[in-house]
Amino acid sequence: MEYRHFTLSEFDSPDKPGSGDRMDRNFVAMLDEARDIAGVAFKVTSGYRTEVRNREVGGKVNSSHLVGKAADLHAPTSMLRFRIIAALIAAGFTRIGIGRTFIHVDNDSNKTPGVAWLYG
């Protein structure tokens, strides 16, 4: 499957080149649609994570990054955060975490939908 705005290598765990291939294709397609809606580039700062990488960054044991259904997107300004969040919601995402410099998004069906949270 080809995407307009992403290559799977953008989702690689830093400790495992090629691991972006483990991303859920539906997740990436939804993210690609959100990118179209936002009209701004999405820079993936964390996509697929190996268990080692997840521990290094303090990720949760059941992190959606481990199954390729999550990404963190660079969003250093309030205006960019707003545009990204609005586009993610319009594309159908229902799980969004908001940090000072990033937005977490996932579509993990094993977790509660319709939630947004803040990172301290």
PDB file of N, CA and C in Angstrom:
ATOM      1  N   MET A   1       0.837  -1.176   0.000  1.00  0.00           N
ATOM      2  CA  MET A   1       0.000   0.000   0.000  1.00  0.00           C
ATOM      3  C   MET A   1       0.884   1.242   0.000  1.00  0.00           C
ATOM      4  N   GLU A   2       0.531   2.212  -0.796  1.00  0.00           N
ATOM      5  CA  GLU A   2       1.261   3.476  -0.834  1.00  0.00           C
ATOM      6  C   GLU A   2       0.455   4.569  -0.141  1.00  0.00           C
ATOM      7  N   TYR A   3       1.179   5.481   0.457  1.00  0.00           N
ATOM      8  CA  TYR A   3       0.560   6.593   1.154  1.00  0.00           C
ATOM      9  C   TYR A   3       1.022   7.890   0.504  1.00  0.00           C
ATOM     10  N   ARG A   4       0.174   8.894   0.524  1.00  0.00           N
ATOM     11  CA  ARG A   4       0.517  10.178  -0.102  1.00  0.00           C
ATOM     12  C   ARG A   4       1.591  10.929   0.667  1.00  0.00           C
ATOM     13  N   HIS A   5       1.537  10.844   1.992  1.00  0.00           N
ATOM     14  CA  HIS A   5       2.379  11.717   2.803  1.00  0.00           C
ATOM     15  C   HIS A   5       3.410  10.997   3.660  1.00  0.00           C
ATOM     16  N   PHE A   6       3.387   9.696   3.678  1.00  0.00           N
ATOM     17  CA  PHE A   6       4.282   8.958   4.569  1.00  0.00           C
ATOM     18  C   PHE A   6       4.971   7.803   3.855  1.00  0.00           C
ATOM     19  N   THR A   7       6.147   7.464   4.353  1.00  0.00           N
ATOM     20  CA  THR A   7       6.783   6.191   4.025  1.00  0.00           C
ATOM     21  C   THR A   7       6.838   5.424   5.337  1.00  0.00           C
ATOM     22  N   LEU A   8       6.781   4.125   5.282  1.00  0.00           N
ATOM     23  CA  LEU A   8       6.786   3.342   6.517  1.00  0.00           C
ATOM     24  C   LEU A   8       8.082   3.524   7.304  1.00  0.00           C
ATOM     25  N   SER A   9       9.167   3.864   6.631  1.00  0.00           N
ATOM     26  CA  SER A   9      10.431   4.061   7.346  1.00  0.00           C
ATOM     27  C   SER A   9      10.357   5.243   8.325  1.00  0.00           C
ATOM     28  N   GLU A  10       9.434   6.176   8.106  1.00  0.00           N
ATOM     29  CA  GLU A  10       9.262   7.290   9.043  1.00  0.00           C
ATOM     30  C   GLU A  10       8.787   6.797  10.410  1.00  0.00           C
ATOM     31  N   PHE A  11       8.248   5.584  10.460  1.00  0.00           N
ATOM     32  CA  PHE A  11       7.703   5.022  11.688  1.00  0.00           C
ATOM     33  C   PHE A  11       8.679   4.043  12.350  1.00  0.00           C
ATOM     34  N   ASP A  12       9.888   3.895  11.798  1.00  0.00           N
ATOM     35  CA  ASP A  12      10.873   2.952  12.350  1.00  0.00           C
ATOM     36  C   ASP A  12      11.203   3.270  13.803  1.00  0.00           C
ATOM     37  N   SER A  13      11.341   2.235  14.611  1.00  0.00           N
ATOM     38  CA  SER A  13      11.910   2.397  15.946  1.00  0.00           C
ATOM     39  C   SER A  13      13.401   2.670  15.732  1.00  0.00           C
ATOM     40  N   PRO A  14      13.984   3.655  16.428  1.00  0.00           N
ATOM     41  CA  PRO A  14      15.390   4.005  16.189  1.00  0.00           C
ATOM     42  C   PRO A  14      16.365   2.842  16.360  1.00  0.00           C
ATOM     43  N   ASP A  15      15.992   1.855  17.157  1.00  0.00           N
ATOM     44  CA  ASP A  15      16.877   0.722  17.401  1.00  0.00           C
ATOM     45  C   ASP A  15      16.633  -0.450  16.451  1.00  0.00           C
ATOM     46  N   LYS A  16      15.703  -0.299  15.493  1.00  0.00           N
ATOM     47  CA  LYS A  16      15.416  -1.402  14.579  1.00  0.00           C
ATOM     48  C   LYS A  16      15.016  -0.856  13.208  1.00  0.00           C
ATOM     49  N   PRO A  17      16.001  -0.577  12.352  1.00  0.00           N
ATOM     50  CA  PRO A  17      15.686  -0.111  11.001  1.00  0.00           C
ATOM     51  C   PRO A  17      14.745  -1.087  10.280  1.00  0.00           C
ATOM     52  N   GLY A  18      13.795  -0.536   9.558  1.00  0.00           N
ATOM     53  CA  GLY A  18      12.833  -1.362   8.834  1.00  0.00           C
ATOM     54  C   GLY A  18      11.619  -1.759   9.645  1.00  0.00           C
ATOM     55  N   SER A  19      11.606  -1.400  10.931  1.00  0.00           N
ATOM     56  CA  SER A  19      10.497  -1.826  11.797  1.00  0.00           C
ATOM     57  C   SER A  19       9.207  -1.064  11.516  1.00  0.00           C
ATOM     58  N   GLY A  20       9.278   0.032  10.769  1.00  0.00           N
ATOM     59  CA  GLY A  20       8.072   0.737  10.377  1.00  0.00           C
ATOM     60  C   GLY A  20       7.135  -0.141   9.558  1.00  0.00           C
ATOM     61  N   ASP A  21       7.689  -1.197   8.975  1.00  0.00           N
ATOM     62  CA  ASP A  21       6.871  -2.163   8.230  1.00  0.00           C
ATOM     63  C   ASP A  21       5.857  -2.861   9.134  1.00  0.00           C
ATOM     64  N   ARG A  22       6.045  -2.758  10.430  1.00  0.00           N
ATOM     65  CA  ARG A  22       5.121  -3.396  11.383  1.00  0.00           C
ATOM     66  C   ARG A  22       3.925  -2.506  11.734  1.00  0.00           C
ATOM     67  N   MET A  23       3.887  -1.315  11.150  1.00  0.00           N
ATOM     68  CA  MET A  23       2.764  -0.413  11.423  1.00  0.00           C
ATOM     69  C   MET A  23       1.478  -0.980  10.843  1.00  0.00           C
ATOM     70  N   ASP A  24       0.395  -0.778  11.567  1.00  0.00           N
ATOM     71  CA  ASP A  24      -0.931  -1.163  11.109  1.00  0.00           C
ATOM     72  C   ASP A  24      -1.286  -0.294   9.894  1.00  0.00           C
ATOM     73  N   ARG A  25      -1.606  -0.933   8.785  1.00  0.00           N
ATOM     74  CA  ARG A  25      -1.855  -0.199   7.537  1.00  0.00           C
ATOM     75  C   ARG A  25      -3.083   0.704   7.631  1.00  0.00           C
ATOM     76  N   ASN A  26      -4.112   0.278   8.341  1.00  0.00           N
ATOM     77  CA  ASN A  26      -5.296   1.108   8.524  1.00  0.00           C
ATOM     78  C   ASN A  26      -4.948   2.367   9.314  1.00  0.00           C
ATOM     79  N   PHE A  27      -4.122   2.223  10.337  1.00  0.00           N
ATOM     80  CA  PHE A  27      -3.693   3.373  11.133  1.00  0.00           C
ATOM     81  C   PHE A  27      -2.978   4.393  10.243  1.00  0.00           C
ATOM     82  N   VAL A  28      -2.020   3.926   9.438  1.00  0.00           N
ATOM     83  CA  VAL A  28      -1.248   4.845   8.589  1.00  0.00           C
ATOM     84  C   VAL A  28      -2.153   5.497   7.538  1.00  0.00           C
ATOM     85  N   ALA A  29      -3.112   4.736   6.998  1.00  0.00           N
ATOM     86  CA  ALA A  29      -4.055   5.306   6.021  1.00  0.00           C
ATOM     87  C   ALA A  29      -4.894   6.414   6.661  1.00  0.00           C
ATOM     88  N   MET A  30      -5.343   6.192   7.893  1.00  0.00           N
ATOM     89  CA  MET A  30      -6.111   7.228   8.602  1.00  0.00           C
ATOM     90  C   MET A  30      -5.241   8.459   8.860  1.00  0.00           C
ATOM     91  N   LEU A  31      -3.991   8.230   9.235  1.00  0.00           N
ATOM     92  CA  LEU A  31      -3.075   9.335   9.493  1.00  0.00           C
ATOM     93  C   LEU A  31      -2.800  10.112   8.203  1.00  0.00           C
ATOM     94  N   ASP A  32      -2.694   9.396   7.100  1.00  0.00           N
ATOM     95  CA  ASP A  32      -2.500  10.022   5.793  1.00  0.00           C
ATOM     96  C   ASP A  32      -3.694  10.919   5.450  1.00  0.00           C
ATOM     97  N   GLU A  33      -4.889  10.439   5.746  1.00  0.00           N
ATOM     98  CA  GLU A  33      -6.100  11.240   5.511  1.00  0.00           C
ATOM     99  C   GLU A  33      -6.094  12.487   6.399  1.00  0.00           C
ATOM    100  N   ALA A  34      -5.704  12.319   7.658  1.00  0.00           N
ATOM    101  CA  ALA A  34      -5.648  13.465   8.576  1.00  0.00           C
ATOM    102  C   ALA A  34      -4.654  14.504   8.075  1.00  0.00           C
ATOM    103  N   ARG A  35      -3.551  14.040   7.526  1.00  0.00           N
ATOM    104  CA  ARG A  35      -2.544  14.965   6.977  1.00  0.00           C
ATOM    105  C   ARG A  35      -3.139  15.774   5.823  1.00  0.00           C
ATOM    106  N   ASP A  36      -3.924  15.114   4.970  1.00  0.00           N
ATOM    107  CA  ASP A  36      -4.613  15.831   3.882  1.00  0.00           C
ATOM    108  C   ASP A  36      -5.524  16.915   4.446  1.00  0.00           C
ATOM    109  N   ILE A  37      -6.280  16.561   5.458  1.00  0.00           N
ATOM    110  CA  ILE A  37      -7.238  17.491   6.059  1.00  0.00           C
ATOM    111  C   ILE A  37      -6.519  18.675   6.708  1.00  0.00           C
ATOM    112  N   ALA A  38      -5.426  18.401   7.420  1.00  0.00           N
ATOM    113  CA  ALA A  38      -4.707  19.455   8.150  1.00  0.00           C
ATOM    114  C   ALA A  38      -4.031  20.456   7.219  1.00  0.00           C
ATOM    115  N   GLY A  39      -3.546  19.962   6.104  1.00  0.00           N
ATOM    116  CA  GLY A  39      -2.846  20.851   5.186  1.00  0.00           C
ATOM    117  C   GLY A  39      -1.490  21.308   5.685  1.00  0.00           C
ATOM    118  N   VAL A  40      -0.948  20.599   6.667  1.00  0.00           N
ATOM    119  CA  VAL A  40       0.402  20.864   7.174  1.00  0.00           C
ATOM    120  C   VAL A  40       1.133  19.533   7.303  1.00  0.00           C
ATOM    121  N   ALA A  41       2.445  19.586   7.227  1.00  0.00           N
ATOM    122  CA  ALA A  41       3.240  18.362   7.350  1.00  0.00           C
ATOM    123  C   ALA A  41       3.116  17.777   8.756  1.00  0.00           C
ATOM    124  N   PHE A  42       3.129  16.463   8.840  1.00  0.00           N
ATOM    125  CA  PHE A  42       3.178  15.760  10.118  1.00  0.00           C
ATOM    126  C   PHE A  42       4.564  15.142  10.237  1.00  0.00           C
ATOM    127  N   LYS A  43       5.291  15.504  11.279  1.00  0.00           N
ATOM    128  CA  LYS A  43       6.599  14.905  11.539  1.00  0.00           C
ATOM    129  C   LYS A  43       6.427  13.853  12.632  1.00  0.00           C
ATOM    130  N   VAL A  44       6.670  12.594  12.277  1.00  0.00           N
ATOM    131  CA  VAL A  44       6.534  11.486  13.225  1.00  0.00           C
ATOM    132  C   VAL A  44       7.773  11.448  14.108  1.00  0.00           C
ATOM    133  N   THR A  45       7.578  11.618  15.412  1.00  0.00           N
ATOM    134  CA  THR A  45       8.707  11.544  16.343  1.00  0.00           C
ATOM    135  C   THR A  45       8.798  10.179  17.006  1.00  0.00           C
ATOM    136  N   SER A  46       7.702   9.424  16.971  1.00  0.00           N
ATOM    137  CA  SER A  46       7.711   8.057  17.483  1.00  0.00           C
ATOM    138  C   SER A  46       6.576   7.300  16.819  1.00  0.00           C
ATOM    139  N   GLY A  47       6.906   6.196  16.185  1.00  0.00           N
ATOM    140  CA  GLY A  47       5.902   5.346  15.547  1.00  0.00           C
ATOM    141  C   GLY A  47       5.950   3.977  16.193  1.00  0.00           C
ATOM    142  N   TYR A  48       6.361   2.981  15.417  1.00  0.00           N
ATOM    143  CA  TYR A  48       6.514   1.645  15.984  1.00  0.00           C
ATOM    144  C   TYR A  48       7.648   1.685  17.011  1.00  0.00           C
ATOM    145  N   ARG A  49       7.469   0.967  18.110  1.00  0.00           N
ATOM    146  CA  ARG A  49       8.529   0.857  19.118  1.00  0.00           C
ATOM    147  C   ARG A  49       8.800  -0.604  19.430  1.00  0.00           C
ATOM    148  N   THR A  50      10.068  -0.946  19.534  1.00  0.00           N
ATOM    149  CA  THR A  50      10.429  -2.245  20.073  1.00  0.00           C
ATOM    150  C   THR A  50      10.196  -2.178  21.581  1.00  0.00           C
ATOM    151  N   GLU A  51      10.171  -3.322  22.228  1.00  0.00           N
ATOM    152  CA  GLU A  51      10.001  -3.317  23.684  1.00  0.00           C
ATOM    153  C   GLU A  51      11.145  -2.592  24.372  1.00  0.00           C
ATOM    154  N   VAL A  52      12.363  -2.756  23.838  1.00  0.00           N
ATOM    155  CA  VAL A  52      13.526  -2.078  24.411  1.00  0.00           C
ATOM    156  C   VAL A  52      13.347  -0.563  24.312  1.00  0.00           C
ATOM    157  N   ARG A  53      12.990  -0.081  23.134  1.00  0.00           N
ATOM    158  CA  ARG A  53      12.803   1.361  22.932  1.00  0.00           C
ATOM    159  C   ARG A  53      11.662   1.898  23.796  1.00  0.00           C
ATOM    160  N   ASN A  54      10.595   1.119  23.893  1.00  0.00           N
ATOM    161  CA  ASN A  54       9.457   1.545  24.702  1.00  0.00           C
ATOM    162  C   ASN A  54       9.869   1.726  26.165  1.00  0.00           C
ATOM    163  N   ARG A  55      10.677   0.812  26.684  1.00  0.00           N
ATOM    164  CA  ARG A  55      11.174   0.946  28.058  1.00  0.00           C
ATOM    165  C   ARG A  55      12.072   2.179  28.187  1.00  0.00           C
ATOM    166  N   GLU A  56      12.938   2.407  27.180  1.00  0.00           N
ATOM    167  CA  GLU A  56      13.861   3.547  27.216  1.00  0.00           C
ATOM    168  C   GLU A  56      13.128   4.881  27.313  1.00  0.00           C
ATOM    169  N   VAL A  57      11.995   4.993  26.645  1.00  0.00           N
ATOM    170  CA  VAL A  57      11.265   6.262  26.639  1.00  0.00           C
ATOM    171  C   VAL A  57      10.193   6.328  27.719  1.00  0.00           C
ATOM    172  N   GLY A  58      10.098   5.289  28.547  1.00  0.00           N
ATOM    173  CA  GLY A  58       9.119   5.290  29.628  1.00  0.00           C
ATOM    174  C   GLY A  58       7.705   4.997  29.168  1.00  0.00           C
ATOM    175  N   GLY A  59       7.576   4.290  28.037  1.00  0.00           N
ATOM    176  CA  GLY A  59       6.253   3.932  27.526  1.00  0.00           C
ATOM    177  C   GLY A  59       5.554   2.914  28.400  1.00  0.00           C
ATOM    178  N   LYS A  60       4.245   2.876  28.306  1.00  0.00           N
ATOM    179  CA  LYS A  60       3.460   1.922  29.083  1.00  0.00           C
ATOM    180  C   LYS A  60       3.678   0.500  28.559  1.00  0.00           C
ATOM    181  N   VAL A  61       3.504  -0.480  29.430  1.00  0.00           N
ATOM    182  CA  VAL A  61       3.704  -1.880  29.081  1.00  0.00           C
ATOM    183  C   VAL A  61       2.790  -2.297  27.927  1.00  0.00           C
ATOM    184  N   ASN A  62       1.589  -1.747  27.889  1.00  0.00           N
ATOM    185  CA  ASN A  62       0.636  -2.106  26.832  1.00  0.00           C
ATOM    186  C   ASN A  62       0.523  -1.001  25.777  1.00  0.00           C
ATOM    187  N   SER A  63       1.608  -0.270  25.549  1.00  0.00           N
ATOM    188  CA  SER A  63       1.602   0.851  24.608  1.00  0.00           C
ATOM    189  C   SER A  63       1.142   0.418  23.219  1.00  0.00           C
ATOM    190  N   SER A  64       0.320   1.235  22.604  1.00  0.00           N
ATOM    191  CA  SER A  64      -0.148   0.977  21.242  1.00  0.00           C
ATOM    192  C   SER A  64       0.983   1.115  20.224  1.00  0.00           C
ATOM    193  N   HIS A  65       2.078   1.756  20.603  1.00  0.00           N
ATOM    194  CA  HIS A  65       3.252   1.836  19.736  1.00  0.00           C
ATOM    195  C   HIS A  65       3.838   0.440  19.485  1.00  0.00           C
ATOM    196  N   LEU A  66       3.702  -0.436  20.458  1.00  0.00           N
ATOM    197  CA  LEU A  66       4.268  -1.789  20.351  1.00  0.00           C
ATOM    198  C   LEU A  66       3.579  -2.637  19.290  1.00  0.00           C
ATOM    199  N   VAL A  67       2.360  -2.280  18.936  1.00  0.00           N
ATOM    200  CA  VAL A  67       1.607  -3.042  17.935  1.00  0.00           C
ATOM    201  C   VAL A  67       1.379  -2.223  16.652  1.00  0.00           C
ATOM    202  N   GLY A  68       2.080  -1.102  16.530  1.00  0.00           N
ATOM    203  CA  GLY A  68       2.015  -0.310  15.307  1.00  0.00           C
ATOM    204  C   GLY A  68       0.718   0.435  15.087  1.00  0.00           C
ATOM    205  N   LYS A  69       0.028   0.758  16.176  1.00  0.00           N
ATOM    206  CA  LYS A  69      -1.249   1.465  16.059  1.00  0.00           C
ATOM    207  C   LYS A  69      -1.200   2.832  16.721  1.00  0.00           C
ATOM    208  N   ALA A  70      -0.003   3.430  16.804  1.00  0.00           N
ATOM    209  CA  ALA A  70       0.137   4.736  17.447  1.00  0.00           C
ATOM    210  C   ALA A  70       1.291   5.507  16.838  1.00  0.00           C
ATOM    211  N   ALA A  71       1.205   6.816  16.961  1.00  0.00           N
ATOM    212  CA  ALA A  71       2.311   7.689  16.560  1.00  0.00           C
ATOM    213  C   ALA A  71       2.285   8.941  17.416  1.00  0.00           C
ATOM    214  N   ASP A  72       3.460   9.500  17.617  1.00  0.00           N
ATOM    215  CA  ASP A  72       3.594  10.813  18.229  1.00  0.00           C
ATOM    216  C   ASP A  72       4.017  11.757  17.119  1.00  0.00           C
ATOM    217  N   LEU A  73       3.362  12.901  17.050  1.00  0.00           N
ATOM    218  CA  LEU A  73       3.601  13.884  16.001  1.00  0.00           C
ATOM    219  C   LEU A  73       4.148  15.164  16.607  1.00  0.00           C
ATOM    220  N   HIS A  74       5.198  15.696  16.024  1.00  0.00           N
ATOM    221  CA  HIS A  74       5.819  16.933  16.495  1.00  0.00           C
ATOM    222  C   HIS A  74       4.824  18.078  16.347  1.00  0.00           C
ATOM    223  N   ALA A  75       4.561  18.785  17.435  1.00  0.00           N
ATOM    224  CA  ALA A  75       3.596  19.887  17.421  1.00  0.00           C
ATOM    225  C   ALA A  75       4.020  20.927  18.457  1.00  0.00           C
ATOM    226  N   PRO A  76       5.023  21.748  18.123  1.00  0.00           N
ATOM    227  CA  PRO A  76       5.597  22.664  19.114  1.00  0.00           C
ATOM    228  C   PRO A  76       4.815  23.943  19.388  1.00  0.00           C
ATOM    229  N   THR A  77       3.789  24.239  18.580  1.00  0.00           N
ATOM    230  CA  THR A  77       3.031  25.475  18.809  1.00  0.00           C
ATOM    231  C   THR A  77       1.554  25.151  19.021  1.00  0.00           C
ATOM    232  N   SER A  78       0.864  26.046  19.704  1.00  0.00           N
ATOM    233  CA  SER A  78      -0.556  25.814  19.972  1.00  0.00           C
ATOM    234  C   SER A  78      -1.366  25.797  18.680  1.00  0.00           C
ATOM    235  N   MET A  79      -0.999  26.621  17.713  1.00  0.00           N
ATOM    236  CA  MET A  79      -1.721  26.654  16.444  1.00  0.00           C
ATOM    237  C   MET A  79      -1.558  25.322  15.697  1.00  0.00           C
ATOM    238  N   LEU A  80      -0.337  24.782  15.686  1.00  0.00           N
ATOM    239  CA  LEU A  80      -0.104  23.496  15.019  1.00  0.00           C
ATOM    240  C   LEU A  80      -0.822  22.371  15.753  1.00  0.00           C
ATOM    241  N   ARG A  81      -0.780  22.387  17.088  1.00  0.00           N
ATOM    242  CA  ARG A  81      -1.500  21.365  17.854  1.00  0.00           C
ATOM    243  C   ARG A  81      -2.981  21.388  17.508  1.00  0.00           C
ATOM    244  N   PHE A  82      -3.568  22.577  17.429  1.00  0.00           N
ATOM    245  CA  PHE A  82      -4.986  22.692  17.099  1.00  0.00           C
ATOM    246  C   PHE A  82      -5.278  22.112  15.717  1.00  0.00           C
ATOM    247  N   ARG A  83      -4.493  22.479  14.716  1.00  0.00           N
ATOM    248  CA  ARG A  83      -4.730  21.988  13.346  1.00  0.00           C
ATOM    249  C   ARG A  83      -4.603  20.477  13.273  1.00  0.00           C
ATOM    250  N   ILE A  84      -3.598  19.926  13.948  1.00  0.00           N
ATOM    251  CA  ILE A  84      -3.400  18.481  13.923  1.00  0.00           C
ATOM    252  C   ILE A  84      -4.555  17.774  14.630  1.00  0.00           C
ATOM    253  N   ILE A  85      -4.928  18.238  15.811  1.00  0.00           N
ATOM    254  CA  ILE A  85      -6.017  17.601  16.560  1.00  0.00           C
ATOM    255  C   ILE A  85      -7.321  17.657  15.779  1.00  0.00           C
ATOM    256  N   ALA A  86      -7.647  18.806  15.215  1.00  0.00           N
ATOM    257  CA  ALA A  86      -8.886  18.937  14.436  1.00  0.00           C
ATOM    258  C   ALA A  86      -8.885  17.951  13.264  1.00  0.00           C
ATOM    259  N   ALA A  87      -7.753  17.819  12.590  1.00  0.00           N
ATOM    260  CA  ALA A  87      -7.655  16.906  11.448  1.00  0.00           C
ATOM    261  C   ALA A  87      -7.750  15.446  11.889  1.00  0.00           C
ATOM    262  N   LEU A  88      -7.135  15.113  13.016  1.00  0.00           N
ATOM    263  CA  LEU A  88      -7.196  13.735  13.517  1.00  0.00           C
ATOM    264  C   LEU A  88      -8.640  13.343  13.830  1.00  0.00           C
ATOM    265  N   ILE A  89      -9.358  14.243  14.472  1.00  0.00           N
ATOM    266  CA  ILE A  89     -10.760  13.971  14.797  1.00  0.00           C
ATOM    267  C   ILE A  89     -11.584  13.836  13.520  1.00  0.00           C
ATOM    268  N   ALA A  90     -11.357  14.724  12.565  1.00  0.00           N
ATOM    269  CA  ALA A  90     -12.092  14.666  11.295  1.00  0.00           C
ATOM    270  C   ALA A  90     -11.807  13.373  10.537  1.00  0.00           C
ATOM    271  N   ALA A  91     -10.609  12.825  10.706  1.00  0.00           N
ATOM    272  CA  ALA A  91     -10.239  11.575  10.024  1.00  0.00           C
ATOM    273  C   ALA A  91     -10.765  10.342  10.752  1.00  0.00           C
ATOM    274  N   GLY A  92     -11.348  10.534  11.937  1.00  0.00           N
ATOM    275  CA  GLY A  92     -11.952   9.418  12.651  1.00  0.00           C
ATOM    276  C   GLY A  92     -11.206   8.903  13.864  1.00  0.00           C
ATOM    277  N   PHE A  93     -10.108   9.544  14.246  1.00  0.00           N
ATOM    278  CA  PHE A  93      -9.384   9.105  15.445  1.00  0.00           C
ATOM    279  C   PHE A  93     -10.164   9.517  16.690  1.00  0.00           C
ATOM    280  N   THR A  94     -10.167   8.641  17.687  1.00  0.00           N
ATOM    281  CA  THR A  94     -10.899   8.915  18.925  1.00  0.00           C
ATOM    282  C   THR A  94     -10.031   8.764  20.174  1.00  0.00           C
ATOM    283  N   ARG A  95      -8.711   8.644  19.979  1.00  0.00           N
ATOM    284  CA  ARG A  95      -7.780   8.542  21.107  1.00  0.00           C
ATOM    285  C   ARG A  95      -6.613   9.487  20.844  1.00  0.00           C
ATOM    286  N   ILE A  96      -6.553  10.579  21.621  1.00  0.00           N
ATOM    287  CA  ILE A  96      -5.555  11.616  21.371  1.00  0.00           C
ATOM    288  C   ILE A  96      -4.965  12.091  22.694  1.00  0.00           C
ATOM    289  N   GLY A  97      -3.644  12.104  22.766  1.00  0.00           N
ATOM    290  CA  GLY A  97      -2.932  12.632  23.925  1.00  0.00           C
ATOM    291  C   GLY A  97      -2.214  13.901  23.531  1.00  0.00           C
ATOM    292  N   ILE A  98      -2.227  14.885  24.410  1.00  0.00           N
ATOM    293  CA  ILE A  98      -1.670  16.192  24.094  1.00  0.00           C
ATOM    294  C   ILE A  98      -0.509  16.508  25.027  1.00  0.00           C
ATOM    295  N   GLY A  99       0.660  16.726  24.426  1.00  0.00           N
ATOM    296  CA  GLY A  99       1.840  17.133  25.172  1.00  0.00           C
ATOM    297  C   GLY A  99       2.231  18.551  24.800  1.00  0.00           C
ATOM    298  N   ARG A 100       3.238  19.086  25.463  1.00  0.00           N
ATOM    299  CA  ARG A 100       3.687  20.455  25.165  1.00  0.00           C
ATOM    300  C   ARG A 100       4.225  20.589  23.746  1.00  0.00           C
ATOM    301  N   THR A 101       4.890  19.547  23.261  1.00  0.00           N
ATOM    302  CA  THR A 101       5.527  19.638  21.948  1.00  0.00           C
ATOM    303  C   THR A 101       5.118  18.515  20.990  1.00  0.00           C
ATOM    304  N   PHE A 102       4.131  17.723  21.386  1.00  0.00           N
ATOM    305  CA  PHE A 102       3.728  16.609  20.534  1.00  0.00           C
ATOM    306  C   PHE A 102       2.262  16.257  20.745  1.00  0.00           C
ATOM    307  N   ILE A 103       1.737  15.523  19.777  1.00  0.00           N
ATOM    308  CA  ILE A 103       0.401  14.943  19.868  1.00  0.00           C
ATOM    309  C   ILE A 103       0.564  13.445  19.709  1.00  0.00           C
ATOM    310  N   HIS A 104       0.009  12.670  20.623  1.00  0.00           N
ATOM    311  CA  HIS A 104      -0.057  11.214  20.495  1.00  0.00           C
ATOM    312  C   HIS A 104      -1.414  10.879  19.891  1.00  0.00           C
ATOM    313  N   VAL A 105      -1.414   9.953  18.941  1.00  0.00           N
ATOM    314  CA  VAL A 105      -2.676   9.477  18.374  1.00  0.00           C
ATOM    315  C   VAL A 105      -2.583   7.976  18.211  1.00  0.00           C
ATOM    316  N   ASP A 106      -3.692   7.292  18.507  1.00  0.00           N
ATOM    317  CA  ASP A 106      -3.732   5.854  18.240  1.00  0.00           C
ATOM    318  C   ASP A 106      -5.146   5.441  17.870  1.00  0.00           C
ATOM    319  N   ASN A 107      -5.247   4.276  17.277  1.00  0.00           N
ATOM    320  CA  ASN A 107      -6.561   3.702  16.947  1.00  0.00           C
ATOM    321  C   ASN A 107      -6.623   2.258  17.433  1.00  0.00           C
ATOM    322  N   ASP A 108      -6.114   2.037  18.619  1.00  0.00           N
ATOM    323  CA  ASP A 108      -6.053   0.701  19.207  1.00  0.00           C
ATOM    324  C   ASP A 108      -7.445   0.292  19.699  1.00  0.00           C
ATOM    325  N   SER A 109      -8.041  -0.669  19.016  1.00  0.00           N
ATOM    326  CA  SER A 109      -9.404  -1.099  19.345  1.00  0.00           C
ATOM    327  C   SER A 109      -9.477  -1.844  20.683  1.00  0.00           C
ATOM    328  N   ASN A 110      -8.337  -2.167  21.263  1.00  0.00           N
ATOM    329  CA  ASN A 110      -8.325  -2.818  22.578  1.00  0.00           C
ATOM    330  C   ASN A 110      -8.358  -1.807  23.725  1.00  0.00           C
ATOM    331  N   LYS A 111      -8.464  -0.525  23.380  1.00  0.00           N
ATOM    332  CA  LYS A 111      -8.484   0.516  24.400  1.00  0.00           C
ATOM    333  C   LYS A 111      -9.740   1.363  24.266  1.00  0.00           C
ATOM    334  N   THR A 112     -10.066   2.070  25.329  1.00  0.00           N
ATOM    335  CA  THR A 112     -11.277   2.876  25.383  1.00  0.00           C
ATOM    336  C   THR A 112     -11.244   3.992  24.338  1.00  0.00           C
ATOM    337  N   PRO A 113     -12.285   4.068  23.481  1.00  0.00           N
ATOM    338  CA  PRO A 113     -12.355   5.159  22.493  1.00  0.00           C
ATOM    339  C   PRO A 113     -12.947   6.422  23.121  1.00  0.00           C
ATOM    340  N   GLY A 114     -12.851   7.517  22.406  1.00  0.00           N
ATOM    341  CA  GLY A 114     -13.481   8.765  22.841  1.00  0.00           C
ATOM    342  C   GLY A 114     -12.787   9.399  24.022  1.00  0.00           C
ATOM    343  N   VAL A 115     -11.436   9.361  24.014  1.00  0.00           N
ATOM    344  CA  VAL A 115     -10.692   9.952  25.122  1.00  0.00           C
ATOM    345  C   VAL A 115      -9.591  10.877  24.611  1.00  0.00           C
ATOM    346  N   ALA A 116      -9.321  11.897  25.401  1.00  0.00           N
ATOM    347  CA  ALA A 116      -8.188  12.786  25.177  1.00  0.00           C
ATOM    348  C   ALA A 116      -7.537  12.991  26.532  1.00  0.00           C
ATOM    349  N   TRP A 117      -6.234  13.073  26.551  1.00  0.00           N
ATOM    350  CA  TRP A 117      -5.528  13.246  27.807  1.00  0.00           C
ATOM    351  C   TRP A 117      -4.340  14.187  27.620  1.00  0.00           C
ATOM    352  N   LEU A 118      -3.836  14.680  28.726  1.00  0.00           N
ATOM    353  CA  LEU A 118      -2.688  15.579  28.737  1.00  0.00           C
ATOM    354  C   LEU A 118      -1.477  14.855  29.310  1.00  0.00           C
ATOM    355  N   TYR A 119      -0.324  15.168  28.763  1.00  0.00           N
ATOM    356  CA  TYR A 119       0.920  14.668  29.325  1.00  0.00           C
ATOM    357  C   TYR A 119       1.525  15.771  30.185  1.00  0.00           C
ATOM    358  N   GLY A 120       1.976  15.397  31.381  1.00  0.00           N
ATOM    359  CA  GLY A 120       2.498  16.382  32.326  1.00  0.00           C
ATOM    360  C   GLY A 120       3.785  16.899  31.905  1.00  0.00           C
TER     361      GLY A 120
END
